[in-house]
């Protein structure tokens, strides 16, 4: 009879013992890190939120900068060679004498060299720090012939000659922050109302659940449109921003409340909850200190999967002209230029904000899937 020898790990423990010594948070992160698609999406979202926080630094131009001479200028793709480094080619413009339509052709001899941390338009980073350096741009001193900085449009220009890339970067701050702020309101309403419904039960639970069913019975998009149309047009962009956030929050807390209610119904009769009541703990402490922490990971999953709905809701309202309005820049506001099919057919680069919306929604969904898989680290695989 042969004996099987188990080699100890480097720290003196077996692999099973080392795994068993990890906390729940460590186990959740370990399971999430194994989900490669979720990790890649997590890092991509981190990059996008970095762009949102420092949009003044990362955007080549301000969102309202325009050059009407280059209206509907097509994208100028980035190029690299050892002679000129990172650069784009300038556009040569011609106008059809019959249709008066502008046409652009790349000028092989017109090189616009790029440099990192180049001087550009002055700005105030998040309204706090003044600066004039941009992450990528053309330094004014690089053009010795004219002494001016030639305009460039990496993702093209709109009908007013505004840089689409700069407006997308600025729109990242608004579109992504709407989702985060709305989630904060949803978090408070969902935990509070769902916690009362699941813990108290009885008539309170019945009343709350019937109210949730009535709210869910309304079709969301028409209700969003009705609430968006009720906002006064004379409101400032800031008031409109917070109004849109509240509208999205008031219609999205029901899902989280249902999850919280179901979990509390199963946990309120557990031994630790009964012991807390016998020791004199008040209801609020039992709910928020003893019961809710037991399924924090599930709450995070629900919130993560709700953010895309918030972003799509803001985009839909702004696209239809019932949400955020110019001069506020968001992805939905930018898509208002795509209302006419002939514009999209002739200038397809106006749809670039749509690609950012799709990528962001997919990233949040993948992160939510990864969190859902890692939410129960003790489950067998």
Protein backbone atom coordinates (compact mmCIF):
# COMPACT_ATOMS: atom_id res chain seq x y z
CA UNK A 1 0.00 0.00 0.00
CA UNK A 2 1.53 3.30 -1.10
CA UNK A 3 0.99 6.55 0.70
CA UNK A 4 0.25 9.78 -1.13
CA UNK A 5 2.40 12.66 -0.02
CA UNK A 6 0.86 16.15 -0.26
CA UNK A 7 3.50 18.78 -0.91
CA UNK A 8 2.97 21.84 1.28
CA UNK A 9 2.72 25.29 -0.25
CA UNK A 10 5.56 27.78 0.06
CA UNK A 11 4.07 29.28 3.23
CA UNK A 12 3.68 25.89 4.90
CA UNK A 13 0.04 25.38 4.00
CA UNK A 14 -1.54 23.29 1.34
CA UNK A 15 -3.36 24.96 -1.53
CA UNK A 16 -6.71 24.03 -0.02
CA UNK A 17 -5.79 25.48 3.36
CA UNK A 18 -4.53 28.69 1.76
CA UNK A 19 -7.76 29.03 -0.18
CA UNK A 20 -9.83 28.39 2.93
CA UNK A 21 -8.04 31.15 4.83
CA UNK A 22 -9.10 33.84 2.36
CA UNK A 23 -11.87 36.25 3.31
CA UNK A 24 -15.07 36.55 1.31
CA UNK A 25 -13.88 39.76 -0.37
CA UNK A 26 -10.62 38.08 -1.38
CA UNK A 27 -12.49 35.09 -2.77
CA UNK A 28 -14.82 37.34 -4.76
CA UNK A 29 -11.90 39.29 -6.24
CA UNK A 30 -10.08 36.04 -7.01
CA UNK A 31 -13.11 34.73 -8.89
CA UNK A 32 -13.60 38.03 -10.70
CA UNK A 33 -9.93 38.15 -11.76
CA UNK A 34 -10.35 34.78 -13.48
CA UNK A 35 -13.03 36.27 -15.75
CA UNK A 36 -10.73 37.71 -18.43
CA UNK A 37 -13.44 39.51 -20.38
CA UNK A 38 -14.76 41.13 -17.20
CA UNK A 39 -11.26 42.23 -16.19
CA UNK A 40 -10.57 43.72 -19.62
CA UNK A 41 -13.90 45.56 -19.45
CA UNK A 42 -13.10 46.77 -15.95
CA UNK A 43 -9.80 48.29 -17.08
CA UNK A 44 -11.44 49.83 -20.15
CA UNK A 45 -14.09 51.46 -17.96
CA UNK A 46 -11.30 52.76 -15.72
CA UNK A 47 -9.73 54.40 -18.78
CA UNK A 48 -13.05 55.96 -19.79
CA UNK A 49 -13.66 57.38 -16.33
CA UNK A 50 -10.12 58.76 -16.35
CA UNK A 51 -10.97 60.52 -19.62
CA UNK A 52 -14.15 61.84 -18.01
CA UNK A 53 -12.30 63.26 -15.00
CA UNK A 54 -9.58 64.91 -17.10
CA UNK A 55 -11.51 65.69 -20.27
CA UNK A 56 -10.08 69.23 -20.45
CA UNK A 57 -6.57 67.76 -20.56
CA UNK A 58 -7.27 64.85 -22.90
CA UNK A 59 -9.46 66.70 -25.44
CA UNK A 60 -7.53 68.58 -28.16
CA UNK A 61 -10.13 71.36 -28.25
CA UNK A 62 -12.89 72.74 -26.06
CA UNK A 63 -16.38 71.40 -26.84
CA UNK A 64 -17.58 74.73 -28.27
CA UNK A 65 -14.47 75.41 -30.41
CA UNK A 66 -15.39 75.50 -34.09
CA UNK A 67 -14.02 76.34 -37.51
CA UNK A 68 -16.83 76.79 -40.03
CA UNK A 69 -14.36 76.52 -42.90
CA UNK A 70 -13.95 72.82 -42.09
CA UNK A 71 -17.63 71.94 -41.68
CA UNK A 72 -18.20 68.19 -42.12
CA UNK A 73 -14.47 67.57 -42.50
CA UNK A 74 -13.90 63.79 -42.70
CA UNK A 75 -11.66 61.99 -40.19
CA UNK A 76 -7.92 62.47 -40.50
CA UNK A 77 -6.42 59.14 -39.38
CA UNK A 78 -3.31 59.13 -37.25
CA UNK A 79 -0.14 58.05 -39.08
CA UNK A 80 3.38 57.29 -37.96
CA UNK A 81 6.73 57.15 -39.74
CA UNK A 82 10.29 57.71 -38.62
CA UNK A 83 10.65 60.91 -40.62
CA UNK A 84 7.65 62.81 -39.28
CA UNK A 85 6.74 60.79 -36.21
CA UNK A 86 3.08 60.79 -35.19
CA UNK A 87 1.12 63.00 -37.58
CA UNK A 88 -1.96 63.49 -39.73
CA UNK A 89 -2.22 64.83 -43.25
CA UNK A 90 -3.95 68.12 -43.82
CA UNK A 91 -7.14 68.35 -45.87
CA UNK A 92 -7.42 70.27 -49.13
CA UNK A 93 -10.90 71.64 -49.66
CA UNK A 94 -12.81 72.11 -52.90
CA UNK A 95 -16.39 73.25 -53.53
CA UNK A 96 -18.58 71.83 -56.29
CA UNK A 97 -19.70 74.86 -58.38
CA UNK A 98 -23.11 73.28 -59.07
CA UNK A 99 -24.16 71.68 -55.80
CA UNK A 100 -21.91 73.89 -53.60
CA UNK A 101 -21.02 70.77 -51.65
CA UNK A 102 -17.66 70.78 -49.92
CA UNK A 103 -15.24 68.01 -50.78
CA UNK A 104 -12.03 67.18 -48.96
CA UNK A 105 -8.91 65.48 -50.28
CA UNK A 106 -5.81 64.57 -48.29
CA UNK A 107 -2.73 66.60 -49.12
CA UNK A 108 0.28 64.23 -49.04
CA UNK A 109 2.63 67.18 -48.66
CA UNK A 110 0.69 68.74 -45.80
CA UNK A 111 2.03 67.14 -42.64
CA UNK A 112 0.62 68.13 -39.26
CA UNK A 113 3.02 66.71 -36.64
CA UNK A 114 1.72 65.76 -33.21
CA UNK A 115 3.43 65.95 -29.86
CA UNK A 116 2.44 64.85 -26.40
CA UNK A 117 1.72 67.48 -23.75
CA UNK A 118 1.52 70.16 -26.42
CA UNK A 119 0.39 73.70 -25.72
CA UNK A 120 -3.15 74.48 -26.74
CA UNK A 121 -6.27 76.24 -25.56
CA UNK A 122 -6.16 77.31 -21.90
CA UNK A 123 -8.57 75.51 -19.60
CA UNK A 124 -9.43 74.86 -15.98
CA UNK A 125 -9.22 71.17 -15.09
CA UNK A 126 -12.50 70.32 -13.34
CA UNK A 127 -12.85 74.06 -12.69
CA UNK A 128 -9.99 73.95 -10.20
CA UNK A 129 -6.58 73.95 -11.90
CA UNK A 130 -5.59 76.21 -14.78
CA UNK A 131 -3.47 74.84 -17.60
CA UNK A 132 -2.81 74.94 -21.32
CA UNK A 133 -1.15 71.57 -21.93
CA UNK A 134 -3.09 68.87 -23.75
CA UNK A 135 -2.32 65.17 -23.85
CA UNK A 136 -2.02 65.18 -27.64
CA UNK A 137 -1.91 68.17 -29.92
CA UNK A 138 0.03 70.41 -32.27
CA UNK A 139 2.36 72.89 -30.67
CA UNK A 140 1.98 76.39 -32.13
CA UNK A 141 5.72 76.67 -32.56
CA UNK A 142 5.79 73.62 -34.83
CA UNK A 143 4.32 75.56 -37.78
CA UNK A 144 7.08 78.03 -38.59
CA UNK A 145 5.53 79.25 -41.86
CA UNK A 146 2.30 80.73 -40.49
CA UNK A 147 2.92 80.73 -36.77
CA UNK A 148 -0.56 79.30 -36.21
CA UNK A 149 -1.73 75.84 -35.27
CA UNK A 150 -3.38 74.06 -38.24
CA UNK A 151 -6.75 72.52 -37.36
CA UNK A 152 -7.03 68.75 -37.29
CA UNK A 153 -9.99 66.39 -36.80
CA UNK A 154 -8.98 62.84 -35.92
CA UNK A 155 -12.60 61.63 -35.88
CA UNK A 156 -13.92 64.30 -38.24
CA UNK A 157 -15.97 67.45 -37.72
CA UNK A 158 -19.69 68.19 -37.46
CA UNK A 159 -21.75 70.75 -39.38
CA UNK A 160 -20.29 73.64 -37.38
CA UNK A 161 -16.69 72.49 -37.79
CA UNK A 162 -16.43 71.26 -34.20
CA UNK A 163 -14.03 68.45 -33.38
CA UNK A 164 -16.01 65.25 -32.78
CA UNK A 165 -13.23 63.59 -30.75
CA UNK A 166 -13.08 66.50 -28.30
CA UNK A 167 -16.86 66.57 -27.92
CA UNK A 168 -16.97 62.80 -27.33
CA UNK A 169 -14.37 63.12 -24.57
CA UNK A 170 -16.29 65.95 -22.94
CA UNK A 171 -19.54 64.00 -23.39
CA UNK A 172 -17.97 61.11 -21.50
CA UNK A 173 -18.09 63.13 -18.29
CA UNK A 174 -21.81 63.88 -18.62
CA UNK A 175 -23.00 60.51 -19.92
CA UNK A 176 -21.04 58.40 -17.44
CA UNK A 177 -21.75 60.66 -14.47
CA UNK A 178 -25.51 60.49 -15.14
CA UNK A 179 -25.31 56.72 -14.64
CA UNK A 180 -23.27 57.00 -11.44
CA UNK A 181 -25.42 59.72 -9.85
CA UNK A 182 -28.63 57.90 -10.78
CA UNK A 183 -27.23 54.69 -9.31
CA UNK A 184 -26.54 56.51 -6.02
CA UNK A 185 -30.19 57.56 -5.80
CA UNK A 186 -31.33 54.09 -6.86
CA UNK A 187 -29.09 52.55 -4.20
CA UNK A 188 -30.66 54.65 -1.42
CA UNK A 189 -34.26 54.09 -2.55
CA UNK A 190 -33.79 50.39 -3.32
CA UNK A 191 -32.11 49.53 -0.02
CA UNK A 192 -34.46 51.61 2.12
CA UNK A 193 -37.78 50.63 0.56
CA UNK A 194 -36.75 47.03 -0.14
CA UNK A 195 -35.33 46.67 3.35
CA UNK A 196 -38.54 47.88 4.99
CA UNK A 197 -40.63 45.64 2.73
CA UNK A 198 -38.63 42.48 3.47
CA UNK A 199 -38.01 43.07 7.16
CA UNK A 200 -41.36 44.45 8.33
CA UNK A 201 -43.60 42.35 6.08
CA UNK A 202 -47.36 42.35 6.50
CA UNK A 203 -49.39 45.23 5.14
CA UNK A 204 -46.32 47.38 4.54
CA UNK A 205 -44.79 44.67 2.37
CA UNK A 206 -48.06 44.21 0.48
CA UNK A 207 -48.43 47.96 -0.17
CA UNK A 208 -44.82 48.37 -1.34
CA UNK A 209 -44.97 45.35 -3.64
CA UNK A 210 -48.23 46.51 -5.24
CA UNK A 211 -46.69 49.96 -5.81
CA UNK A 212 -43.65 48.34 -7.45
CA UNK A 213 -45.90 46.32 -9.72
CA UNK A 214 -47.78 49.46 -10.78
CA UNK A 215 -44.51 51.26 -11.58
CA UNK A 216 -43.20 48.28 -13.56
CA UNK A 217 -46.48 48.08 -15.49
CA UNK A 218 -45.78 51.42 -17.20
CA UNK A 219 -43.70 51.17 -20.40
CA UNK A 220 -40.43 52.86 -19.53
CA UNK A 221 -39.62 54.73 -22.74
CA UNK A 222 -43.01 56.49 -23.09
CA UNK A 223 -42.92 57.35 -19.39
CA UNK A 224 -39.40 58.76 -19.77
CA UNK A 225 -40.60 60.82 -22.74
CA UNK A 226 -43.58 62.15 -20.81
CA UNK A 227 -41.46 63.16 -17.80
CA UNK A 228 -38.76 64.60 -20.05
CA UNK A 229 -41.29 66.69 -21.99
CA UNK A 230 -42.66 68.09 -18.74
CA UNK A 231 -39.35 69.83 -17.95
CA UNK A 232 -39.49 73.58 -18.63
CA UNK A 233 -37.31 74.57 -21.61
CA UNK A 234 -36.05 77.66 -19.77
CA UNK A 235 -34.28 75.55 -17.15
CA UNK A 236 -30.52 75.87 -16.97
CA UNK A 237 -28.39 72.93 -18.18
CA UNK A 238 -27.47 72.10 -14.57
CA UNK A 239 -31.11 71.87 -13.45
CA UNK A 240 -31.95 69.78 -16.50
CA UNK A 241 -29.03 67.46 -15.72
CA UNK A 242 -30.25 66.79 -12.18
CA UNK A 243 -33.85 66.46 -13.36
CA UNK A 244 -32.87 63.77 -15.87
CA UNK A 245 -30.92 61.98 -13.14
CA UNK A 246 -33.92 61.99 -10.81
CA UNK A 247 -36.27 60.81 -13.57
CA UNK A 248 -34.03 57.84 -14.36
CA UNK A 249 -33.64 57.02 -10.66
CA UNK A 250 -37.36 57.08 -9.87
CA UNK A 251 -37.98 54.39 -12.48
CA UNK A 252 -35.07 52.06 -11.75
CA UNK A 253 -35.09 51.40 -7.99
CA UNK A 254 -37.75 48.70 -8.19
CA UNK A 255 -35.40 45.94 -9.35
CA UNK A 256 -32.97 46.49 -6.48
CA UNK A 257 -35.85 46.73 -3.99
CA UNK A 258 -37.15 43.34 -5.12
CA UNK A 259 -33.71 41.75 -4.68
CA UNK A 260 -33.26 43.27 -1.21
CA UNK A 261 -36.77 42.25 -0.14
CA UNK A 262 -36.27 38.62 -1.22
CA UNK A 263 -32.95 38.33 0.60
CA UNK A 264 -34.26 39.87 3.82
CA UNK A 265 -37.25 37.54 3.86
CA UNK A 266 -34.84 34.60 4.01
CA UNK A 267 -32.38 36.19 6.47
CA UNK A 268 -34.60 37.93 9.03
CA UNK A 269 -35.33 34.66 10.87
CA UNK A 270 -31.71 33.51 11.00
CA UNK A 271 -30.15 32.99 14.43
CA UNK A 272 -27.89 36.04 14.26
CA UNK A 273 -30.84 38.33 13.38
CA UNK A 274 -32.98 36.90 16.22
CA UNK A 275 -30.06 37.29 18.63
CA UNK A 276 -29.62 40.93 17.62
CA UNK A 277 -33.32 41.60 18.29
CA UNK A 278 -33.14 39.91 21.69
CA UNK A 279 -30.12 42.03 22.62
CA UNK A 280 -32.18 45.17 21.99
CA UNK A 281 -30.86 46.27 18.61
CA UNK A 282 -33.24 48.60 16.77
CA UNK A 283 -34.69 47.67 13.39
CA UNK A 284 -32.47 50.03 11.41
CA UNK A 285 -29.31 48.57 12.92
CA UNK A 286 -30.46 45.02 12.25
CA UNK A 287 -31.24 45.79 8.60
CA UNK A 288 -28.19 47.87 7.71
CA UNK A 289 -25.55 46.36 10.03
CA UNK A 290 -26.50 42.68 10.16
CA UNK A 291 -28.68 41.70 7.20
CA UNK A 292 -27.63 43.82 4.20
CA UNK A 293 -23.85 43.12 4.49
CA UNK A 294 -24.66 39.43 4.04
CA UNK A 295 -25.42 39.90 0.33
CA UNK A 296 -23.40 43.00 -0.57
CA UNK A 297 -21.98 41.26 -3.62
CA UNK A 298 -25.46 40.66 -5.03
CA UNK A 299 -26.33 44.34 -4.56
CA UNK A 300 -23.16 45.33 -6.44
CA UNK A 301 -24.10 43.03 -9.31
CA UNK A 302 -27.60 44.52 -9.60
CA UNK A 303 -26.24 48.07 -9.55
CA UNK A 304 -23.56 47.26 -12.11
CA UNK A 305 -26.12 45.85 -14.51
CA UNK A 306 -28.38 48.88 -13.97
CA UNK A 307 -25.83 51.52 -15.04
CA UNK A 308 -26.16 50.70 -18.79
CA UNK A 309 -29.91 51.26 -18.58
CA UNK A 310 -29.28 54.70 -17.07
CA UNK A 311 -26.84 55.64 -19.84
CA UNK A 312 -29.21 54.42 -22.54
CA UNK A 313 -32.10 56.28 -20.91
CA UNK A 314 -30.21 59.58 -20.91
CA UNK A 315 -29.07 58.97 -24.49
CA UNK A 316 -32.62 58.26 -25.66
CA UNK A 317 -34.08 61.36 -24.03
CA UNK A 318 -31.28 63.64 -25.26
CA UNK A 319 -31.42 62.18 -28.76
CA UNK A 320 -35.14 62.95 -28.96
CA UNK A 321 -34.57 66.48 -27.66
CA UNK A 322 -36.36 65.87 -24.34
CA UNK A 323 -33.32 65.42 -22.13
CA UNK A 324 -30.10 67.38 -21.97
CA UNK A 325 -29.87 70.24 -24.43
CA UNK A 326 -27.02 72.26 -25.96
CA UNK A 327 -24.69 73.77 -24.88
CA UNK A 328 -24.40 70.68 -22.65
CA UNK A 329 -22.37 68.02 -24.44
CA UNK A 330 -23.33 64.37 -24.00
CA UNK A 331 -23.34 61.41 -26.33
CA UNK A 332 -27.11 61.67 -26.73
CA UNK A 333 -26.92 65.39 -27.56
CA UNK A 334 -24.26 64.69 -30.19
CA UNK A 335 -26.48 62.09 -31.85
CA UNK A 336 -29.11 64.75 -32.51
CA UNK A 337 -27.12 65.56 -35.66
CA UNK A 338 -28.02 62.09 -36.96
CA UNK A 339 -31.78 62.62 -37.06
CA UNK A 340 -31.81 62.74 -40.87
CA UNK A 341 -30.81 59.68 -42.87
CA UNK A 342 -29.21 61.71 -45.68
CA UNK A 343 -26.85 63.30 -43.14
CA UNK A 344 -25.81 59.88 -41.83
CA UNK A 345 -25.37 58.57 -45.39
CA UNK A 346 -23.12 61.48 -46.39
CA UNK A 347 -21.27 61.95 -43.10
CA UNK A 348 -21.15 58.57 -41.31
CA UNK A 349 -18.46 59.75 -38.86
CA UNK A 350 -21.21 61.59 -36.97
CA UNK A 351 -22.14 58.16 -35.57
CA UNK A 352 -18.87 57.79 -33.64
CA UNK A 353 -20.62 58.62 -30.30
CA UNK A 354 -22.82 55.59 -30.89
CA UNK A 355 -19.78 53.30 -30.88
CA UNK A 356 -18.72 54.70 -27.50
CA UNK A 357 -22.22 54.05 -26.13
CA UNK A 358 -22.15 50.45 -27.35
CA UNK A 359 -18.66 49.82 -25.93
CA UNK A 360 -19.59 51.32 -22.55
CA UNK A 361 -22.82 49.32 -22.25
CA UNK A 362 -21.04 46.10 -23.19
CA UNK A 363 -18.27 46.76 -20.67
CA UNK A 364 -20.76 47.28 -17.85
CA UNK A 365 -22.61 44.11 -18.84
CA UNK A 366 -19.39 42.08 -18.92
CA UNK A 367 -18.31 43.47 -15.54
CA UNK A 368 -21.75 42.61 -14.17
CA UNK A 369 -21.47 39.06 -15.51
CA UNK A 370 -18.06 38.68 -13.90
CA UNK A 371 -19.36 39.99 -10.58
CA UNK A 372 -22.35 37.67 -10.76
CA UNK A 373 -20.09 34.66 -11.32
CA UNK A 374 -17.86 35.69 -8.43
CA UNK A 375 -20.68 36.74 -6.10
CA UNK A 376 -20.91 33.26 -4.52
CA UNK A 377 -17.24 32.23 -4.11
CA UNK A 378 -18.19 29.15 -2.09
CA UNK A 379 -20.29 27.63 -4.84
CA UNK A 380 -18.82 24.62 -6.55
CA UNK A 381 -17.50 25.18 -10.07
